[in-house]
Amino acid sequence: MSDTTTRALALLNLLQTHRHWPGTELASRLGVTERTVRRDVDRLRELGYRVESTPGAAGGYRLEAGSAVPPLLLTDDEAVTMAIGLRVAATQQLVGGAEVTLTALAKLEQVLPSPLRQRVNALAAAVQPQRIGDAPVVSPVVLGEIALATRDHERLRMRYVDGAGVESVRRVEPHALAPSGRKWFLLCWDLDRDDWRTFRVDRIVSVEHTRVLFTRREISTEEIDERVLIAASWSPQKIEADAVMQLPFPEMQDMFGPWSEGATPEGEHRTRWPFGGSDWREAMYALLWIPEGVEYTTSFPEPHRAELRESVQRLLRALDAPAPTGAASGRGQVR
């Protein structure tokens, strides 16, 4: 393979891994001049790849959907089949690595010609994959567009409908897509709130690419997992209640960290904190996280309030009673 061909393939690979490349960066990566990059881009265009260029100091190149499906040389039917399969895998979480599924889907859909994309959308609407329980419907189109923006560090403008049915337009910097239970969540930096926010993907009506890139903010995998877990816990629960703590709001935020999301000040010295669970046991577990010594009241609803009271009373009697003898001493020993 000639050096020219090798370099053109290397250029194509770079264009596929990022939405926009400055010409100077491409030249540096390939070890050539910017003039050589322009010639290689022209060669790719002659082969049917649609490479858009923008002039100026901040200009560069980006790969758009063209008349072919690079670089696998798939047939039309193969490309459509792969796109449908990846969409189903992404929305149903059939593949162990969610990030791998979304990356593959983003790469493929980025270069699908318009006629094939229409076929994919039509077939995806007709395909009814086996669902797990009552998992919400996630738009594979929206999921794919968010995956692209997350990969490329591109700001998005999106229409979002919250749990109360109120629609709003949000400007965000997407950082991670993650499944939790039967739902997909987008963790992003909300530009209007100037803070981290987590959105359910099934409630995102549409997304609009801004072509404005951002510098990724530092956030650990552990914090991403925690914030997604918190967002999942705020989904509508069978039991929902409030706890009003004798704790000023700023102190509560310091103690609870990301878990303080949803809390509101109740006067100068108290904080109202919503919590819930699928049953009274899960809801009670949330109350156990209230710091030691902090008094509180709760709106725990009936009949679960009575069930919790009966369980706590039995627990107190058990703790006040003499410890049973002969059972604990031998348990756990290896014979």
Protein backbone atom coordinates (compact mmCIF):
# COMPACT_ATOMS: atom_id res chain seq x y z
CA MET A 1 0.00 0.00 0.00
CA SER A 2 1.47 3.36 -1.01
CA ASP A 3 2.28 6.09 1.50
CA THR A 4 -0.46 8.25 -0.06
CA THR A 5 -3.09 5.54 0.43
CA THR A 6 -1.92 4.78 3.95
CA ARG A 7 -2.07 8.46 4.87
CA ALA A 8 -5.54 8.86 3.35
CA LEU A 9 -6.83 5.93 5.41
CA ALA A 10 -5.23 7.42 8.53
CA LEU A 11 -6.93 10.73 7.74
CA LEU A 12 -10.27 8.97 7.26
CA ASN A 13 -9.88 7.21 10.60
CA LEU A 14 -9.21 10.53 12.37
CA LEU A 15 -12.23 12.16 10.73
CA GLN A 16 -14.42 9.31 11.96
CA THR A 17 -13.24 9.54 15.56
CA HIS A 18 -14.13 13.22 16.07
CA ARG A 19 -16.81 15.52 14.71
CA HIS A 20 -14.46 18.42 13.90
CA TRP A 21 -10.70 18.59 13.37
CA PRO A 22 -8.66 21.80 12.95
CA GLY A 23 -6.43 21.60 9.89
CA THR A 24 -3.33 22.29 11.98
CA GLU A 25 -4.15 19.40 14.32
CA LEU A 26 -4.65 16.96 11.43
CA ALA A 27 -1.33 18.02 9.90
CA SER A 28 0.41 17.50 13.23
CA ARG A 29 -1.18 14.06 13.77
CA LEU A 30 -0.24 12.89 10.27
CA GLY A 31 3.20 14.50 10.25
CA VAL A 32 2.58 16.46 7.05
CA THR A 33 1.86 20.02 5.98
CA GLU A 34 -1.60 21.56 5.88
CA ARG A 35 -1.30 21.69 2.10
CA THR A 36 -0.84 17.90 2.04
CA VAL A 37 -3.89 17.52 4.28
CA ARG A 38 -5.92 19.51 1.76
CA ARG A 39 -4.76 17.24 -1.07
CA ASP A 40 -5.62 14.11 0.93
CA VAL A 41 -9.06 15.53 1.71
CA ASP A 42 -9.60 16.03 -2.02
CA ARG A 43 -8.67 12.37 -2.61
CA LEU A 44 -11.26 11.25 -0.07
CA ARG A 45 -13.87 13.41 -1.75
CA GLU A 46 -13.06 11.80 -5.10
CA LEU A 47 -13.73 8.42 -3.48
CA GLY A 48 -17.21 9.55 -2.40
CA TYR A 49 -16.53 10.69 1.16
CA ARG A 50 -18.23 13.95 2.02
CA VAL A 51 -15.67 16.02 3.93
CA GLU A 52 -16.82 19.51 4.79
CA SER A 53 -14.27 22.26 5.39
CA THR A 54 -14.58 25.62 7.12
CA PRO A 55 -12.11 28.46 6.48
CA GLY A 56 -10.48 30.77 8.99
CA ALA A 57 -8.29 30.46 12.07
CA ALA A 58 -10.81 28.22 13.81
CA GLY A 59 -11.62 26.31 10.64
CA GLY A 60 -11.06 22.67 9.93
CA TYR A 61 -12.65 19.52 8.55
CA ARG A 62 -15.56 17.27 9.48
CA LEU A 63 -16.91 14.07 7.96
CA GLU A 64 -20.56 14.18 6.94
CA ALA A 65 -22.92 11.59 5.54
CA GLY A 66 -21.98 10.90 1.95
CA SER A 67 -22.75 8.43 -0.84
CA ALA A 68 -20.88 5.50 0.74
CA VAL A 69 -20.54 3.84 4.13
CA PRO A 70 -16.83 4.06 5.03
CA PRO A 71 -14.65 2.28 5.86
CA LEU A 72 -16.26 -1.20 6.02
CA LEU A 73 -17.64 -1.14 2.47
CA LEU A 74 -20.94 -2.57 3.64
CA THR A 75 -23.81 -3.20 1.30
CA ASP A 76 -26.94 -1.10 1.87
CA ASP A 77 -28.79 -4.03 3.41
CA GLU A 78 -25.86 -4.83 5.72
CA ALA A 79 -25.61 -1.22 6.88
CA VAL A 80 -29.34 -1.01 7.64
CA THR A 81 -29.27 -4.36 9.46
CA MET A 82 -26.31 -3.27 11.61
CA ALA A 83 -27.92 0.07 12.47
CA ILE A 84 -31.18 -1.60 13.51
CA GLY A 85 -29.33 -4.18 15.59
CA LEU A 86 -27.25 -1.56 17.36
CA ARG A 87 -30.32 0.56 18.10
CA VAL A 88 -32.10 -2.41 19.65
CA ALA A 89 -28.99 -3.36 21.63
CA ALA A 90 -28.60 0.20 22.92
CA THR A 91 -32.21 0.70 23.97
CA GLN A 92 -32.61 -2.79 25.44
CA GLN A 93 -29.15 -2.99 27.04
CA LEU A 94 -28.41 -6.33 25.38
CA VAL A 95 -24.68 -5.68 25.19
CA GLY A 96 -22.57 -5.72 28.34
CA GLY A 97 -20.66 -2.55 27.46
CA ALA A 98 -23.15 0.25 26.92
CA GLU A 99 -20.41 2.66 25.88
CA VAL A 100 -19.19 0.29 23.15
CA THR A 101 -22.70 -0.09 21.75
CA LEU A 102 -23.31 3.66 21.64
CA THR A 103 -19.90 4.38 20.11
CA ALA A 104 -20.52 1.88 17.31
CA LEU A 105 -24.02 3.27 16.73
CA ALA A 106 -22.70 6.84 16.62
CA LYS A 107 -19.98 5.97 14.10
CA LEU A 108 -22.36 4.12 11.80
CA GLU A 109 -25.22 6.62 11.85
CA GLN A 110 -22.83 9.53 11.31
CA VAL A 111 -22.00 8.32 7.81
CA LEU A 112 -25.25 6.70 6.71
CA PRO A 113 -26.49 8.26 3.46
CA SER A 114 -29.88 9.94 3.74
CA PRO A 115 -31.85 7.17 1.91
CA LEU A 116 -30.42 4.50 4.22
CA ARG A 117 -31.08 6.60 7.31
CA GLN A 118 -34.73 6.88 6.24
CA ARG A 119 -34.91 3.09 5.87
CA VAL A 120 -33.40 2.63 9.32
CA ASN A 121 -35.89 5.04 10.90
CA ALA A 122 -38.82 3.34 9.18
CA LEU A 123 -37.74 -0.15 10.19
CA ALA A 124 -36.88 0.90 13.73
CA ALA A 125 -40.38 2.27 14.15
CA ALA A 126 -41.85 -1.03 12.98
CA VAL A 127 -39.59 -3.36 14.97
CA GLN A 128 -41.01 -4.23 18.40
CA PRO A 129 -38.18 -5.84 20.38
CA GLN A 130 -38.96 -7.86 23.48
CA ARG A 131 -39.14 -5.44 26.38
CA ILE A 132 -38.12 -6.07 29.96
CA GLY A 133 -40.98 -5.22 32.31
CA ASP A 134 -42.35 -1.72 31.99
CA ALA A 135 -39.16 -0.04 30.79
CA PRO A 136 -39.84 3.38 29.19
CA VAL A 137 -39.43 3.81 25.45
CA VAL A 138 -36.14 5.47 24.48
CA SER A 139 -35.83 7.08 21.04
CA PRO A 140 -32.84 5.45 19.30
CA VAL A 141 -32.49 8.56 17.13
CA VAL A 142 -32.15 10.79 20.20
CA LEU A 143 -29.84 8.26 21.85
CA GLY A 144 -27.57 8.18 18.80
CA GLU A 145 -27.40 11.98 18.49
CA ILE A 146 -26.55 12.36 22.18
CA ALA A 147 -23.86 9.68 21.83
CA LEU A 148 -22.26 11.67 19.01
CA ALA A 149 -22.28 14.91 21.01
CA THR A 150 -20.93 13.17 24.12
CA ARG A 151 -18.09 11.64 22.14
CA ASP A 152 -17.23 14.93 20.41
CA HIS A 153 -17.65 17.22 23.45
CA GLU A 154 -20.28 19.26 21.61
CA ARG A 155 -22.88 21.40 23.33
CA LEU A 156 -26.51 20.47 22.75
CA ARG A 157 -29.82 22.30 22.86
CA MET A 158 -32.59 19.89 23.80
CA ARG A 159 -36.31 19.87 24.55
CA TYR A 160 -37.05 18.06 27.79
CA VAL A 161 -40.32 17.08 29.48
CA ASP A 162 -40.08 16.58 33.24
CA GLY A 163 -42.10 14.20 35.39
CA ALA A 164 -44.90 16.76 35.78
CA GLY A 165 -45.23 17.10 31.98
CA VAL A 166 -43.63 20.56 31.81
CA GLU A 167 -41.50 21.08 28.70
CA SER A 168 -38.36 23.22 28.72
CA VAL A 169 -35.39 23.94 26.46
CA ARG A 170 -32.04 23.14 28.04
CA ARG A 171 -28.52 24.03 26.93
CA VAL A 172 -26.13 21.36 28.11
CA GLU A 173 -22.63 19.94 27.83
CA PRO A 174 -23.11 16.13 27.69
CA HIS A 175 -20.56 14.13 29.67
CA ALA A 176 -21.93 10.59 29.98
CA LEU A 177 -24.75 8.30 28.91
CA ALA A 178 -25.47 5.52 31.37
CA PRO A 179 -28.15 2.89 31.94
CA SER A 180 -29.61 2.36 35.39
CA GLY A 181 -32.15 -0.36 35.91
CA ARG A 182 -34.51 -0.10 32.95
CA LYS A 183 -33.81 3.53 32.08
CA TRP A 184 -31.13 5.57 30.28
CA PHE A 185 -29.75 8.75 31.86
CA LEU A 186 -27.72 11.66 30.47
CA LEU A 187 -25.30 13.32 32.88
CA CYS A 188 -24.40 16.82 31.70
CA TRP A 189 -23.41 20.30 32.77
CA ASP A 190 -26.49 22.53 32.56
CA LEU A 191 -25.32 25.90 31.22
CA ASP A 192 -28.41 27.76 32.47
CA ARG A 193 -28.29 26.27 35.99
CA ASP A 194 -24.46 26.34 36.12
CA ASP A 195 -24.45 22.92 37.75
CA TRP A 196 -24.56 19.19 37.05
CA ARG A 197 -27.90 17.77 36.00
CA THR A 198 -29.08 14.28 35.12
CA PHE A 199 -31.90 13.78 32.59
CA ARG A 200 -33.90 10.70 31.68
CA VAL A 201 -33.30 10.06 27.97
CA ASP A 202 -36.86 8.81 27.39
CA ARG A 203 -38.07 12.31 28.36
CA ILE A 204 -35.83 14.11 25.85
CA VAL A 205 -38.11 15.03 22.95
CA SER A 206 -35.44 16.27 20.53
CA VAL A 207 -31.83 17.41 20.39
CA GLU A 208 -30.17 20.11 18.30
CA HIS A 209 -26.44 20.15 17.57
CA THR A 210 -24.85 23.56 18.14
CA ARG A 211 -21.41 22.76 16.65
CA VAL A 212 -19.94 24.54 19.67
CA LEU A 213 -17.27 22.43 21.36
CA PHE A 214 -16.53 22.49 25.09
CA THR A 215 -13.69 21.43 27.36
CA ARG A 216 -14.73 18.40 29.37
CA ARG A 217 -15.04 19.10 33.10
CA GLU A 218 -13.29 16.86 35.58
CA ILE A 219 -15.63 14.24 37.01
CA SER A 220 -14.74 10.75 38.20
CA THR A 221 -16.42 7.54 37.12
CA GLU A 222 -17.48 7.03 40.74
CA GLU A 223 -19.24 10.41 40.84
CA ILE A 224 -20.94 9.72 37.51
CA ASP A 225 -22.25 6.40 38.86
CA GLU A 226 -23.44 8.07 42.06
CA ARG A 227 -25.26 10.87 40.28
CA VAL A 228 -26.98 8.43 37.93
CA LEU A 229 -27.99 6.31 40.92
CA ILE A 230 -29.43 9.39 42.62
CA ALA A 231 -31.35 10.35 39.48
CA ALA A 232 -32.76 6.84 39.22
CA SER A 233 -33.90 7.01 42.84
CA TRP A 234 -35.84 10.22 42.10
CA SER A 235 -38.03 8.46 39.58
CA PRO A 236 -41.65 8.11 40.73
CA GLN A 237 -41.80 5.60 43.59
CA LYS A 238 -44.66 3.62 45.09
CA ILE A 239 -44.02 5.41 48.39
CA GLU A 240 -43.09 9.11 48.38
CA ALA A 241 -42.62 11.26 51.48
CA ASP A 242 -40.73 14.22 52.95
CA ALA A 243 -38.48 14.55 55.97
CA VAL A 244 -38.10 17.98 57.58
CA MET A 245 -34.79 18.06 59.45
CA GLN A 246 -33.66 20.44 62.18
CA LEU A 247 -30.67 21.26 60.02
CA PRO A 248 -29.92 24.46 58.05
CA PHE A 249 -29.98 23.95 54.30
CA PRO A 250 -26.27 24.75 53.65
CA GLU A 251 -25.19 22.26 56.35
CA MET A 252 -27.52 19.63 54.92
CA GLN A 253 -25.99 20.12 51.45
CA ASP A 254 -22.47 19.70 52.87
CA MET A 255 -23.42 16.51 54.71
CA PHE A 256 -25.47 14.87 51.95
CA GLY A 257 -23.46 15.96 48.89
CA PRO A 258 -25.15 14.94 45.60
CA TRP A 259 -27.89 13.21 47.62
CA SER A 260 -29.17 16.64 48.68
CA GLU A 261 -30.64 17.13 45.19
CA GLY A 262 -34.33 17.95 45.55
CA ALA A 263 -33.96 19.34 49.08
CA THR A 264 -35.23 22.84 49.85
CA PRO A 265 -34.76 25.24 52.80
CA GLU A 266 -37.64 25.29 55.26
CA GLY A 267 -36.99 28.55 57.04
CA GLU A 268 -33.56 29.47 58.37
CA HIS A 269 -32.84 26.39 60.48
CA ARG A 270 -34.66 23.51 58.77
CA THR A 271 -34.47 21.57 55.50
CA ARG A 272 -37.16 19.61 53.65
CA TRP A 273 -35.82 16.49 51.93
CA PRO A 274 -37.97 14.29 49.64
CA PHE A 275 -37.40 10.54 49.69
CA GLY A 276 -39.19 7.35 48.69
CA GLY A 277 -38.97 3.71 47.73
CA SER A 278 -40.71 0.76 46.14
CA ASP A 279 -41.89 -0.33 49.62
CA TRP A 280 -41.71 0.93 53.20
CA ARG A 281 -38.40 -0.86 53.82
CA GLU A 282 -36.62 1.01 51.02
CA ALA A 283 -38.10 4.31 52.18
CA MET A 284 -37.04 3.62 55.78
CA TYR A 285 -33.47 3.02 54.57
CA ALA A 286 -33.35 6.61 53.30
CA LEU A 287 -34.30 7.91 56.76
CA LEU A 288 -31.34 6.05 58.27
CA TRP A 289 -29.00 8.41 56.37
CA ILE A 290 -30.15 11.42 58.40
CA PRO A 291 -27.10 12.29 60.54
CA GLU A 292 -26.95 11.19 64.17
CA GLY A 293 -28.47 13.68 66.58
CA VAL A 294 -30.51 15.52 63.93
CA GLU A 295 -34.19 15.59 64.88
CA TYR A 296 -36.78 15.41 62.11
CA THR A 297 -40.44 14.86 61.27
CA THR A 298 -41.75 12.90 58.32
CA SER A 299 -44.86 12.74 56.15
CA PHE A 300 -44.53 8.93 55.79
CA PRO A 301 -47.97 7.91 54.46
CA GLU A 302 -50.40 5.32 55.80
CA PRO A 303 -50.68 2.34 55.79
CA HIS A 304 -46.90 2.15 55.38
CA ARG A 305 -46.45 4.41 58.42
CA ALA A 306 -48.15 1.80 60.61
CA GLU A 307 -46.04 -1.00 59.09
CA LEU A 308 -42.85 0.95 59.77
CA ARG A 309 -43.92 1.75 63.34
CA GLU A 310 -44.67 -1.92 64.08
CA SER A 311 -41.30 -3.00 62.67
CA VAL A 312 -39.38 -0.35 64.65
CA GLN A 313 -41.20 -1.27 67.87
CA ARG A 314 -40.24 -4.93 67.42
CA LEU A 315 -36.66 -3.86 66.71
CA LEU A 316 -36.54 -1.82 69.92
CA ARG A 317 -37.92 -4.74 71.96
CA ALA A 318 -35.32 -7.02 70.43
CA LEU A 319 -32.52 -4.60 71.30
CA ASP A 320 -33.78 -4.21 74.90
CA ALA A 321 -34.13 -7.97 75.43
CA PRO A 322 -31.19 -10.14 76.61
CA ALA A 323 -29.04 -11.39 73.76
CA PRO A 324 -29.66 -15.03 72.79
CA THR A 325 -26.94 -17.40 73.97
CA GLY A 326 -25.13 -20.19 72.20
CA ALA A 327 -25.97 -19.14 68.63
CA ALA A 328 -23.46 -16.44 67.74
CA SER A 329 -20.37 -18.02 69.25
CA GLY A 330 -20.06 -20.86 66.76
CA ARG A 331 -21.49 -19.18 63.65
CA GLY A 332 -19.08 -18.50 60.82
CA GLN A 333 -16.41 -20.93 62.06
CA VAL A 334 -14.77 -23.21 59.52
CA ARG A 335 -14.78 -26.82 60.62
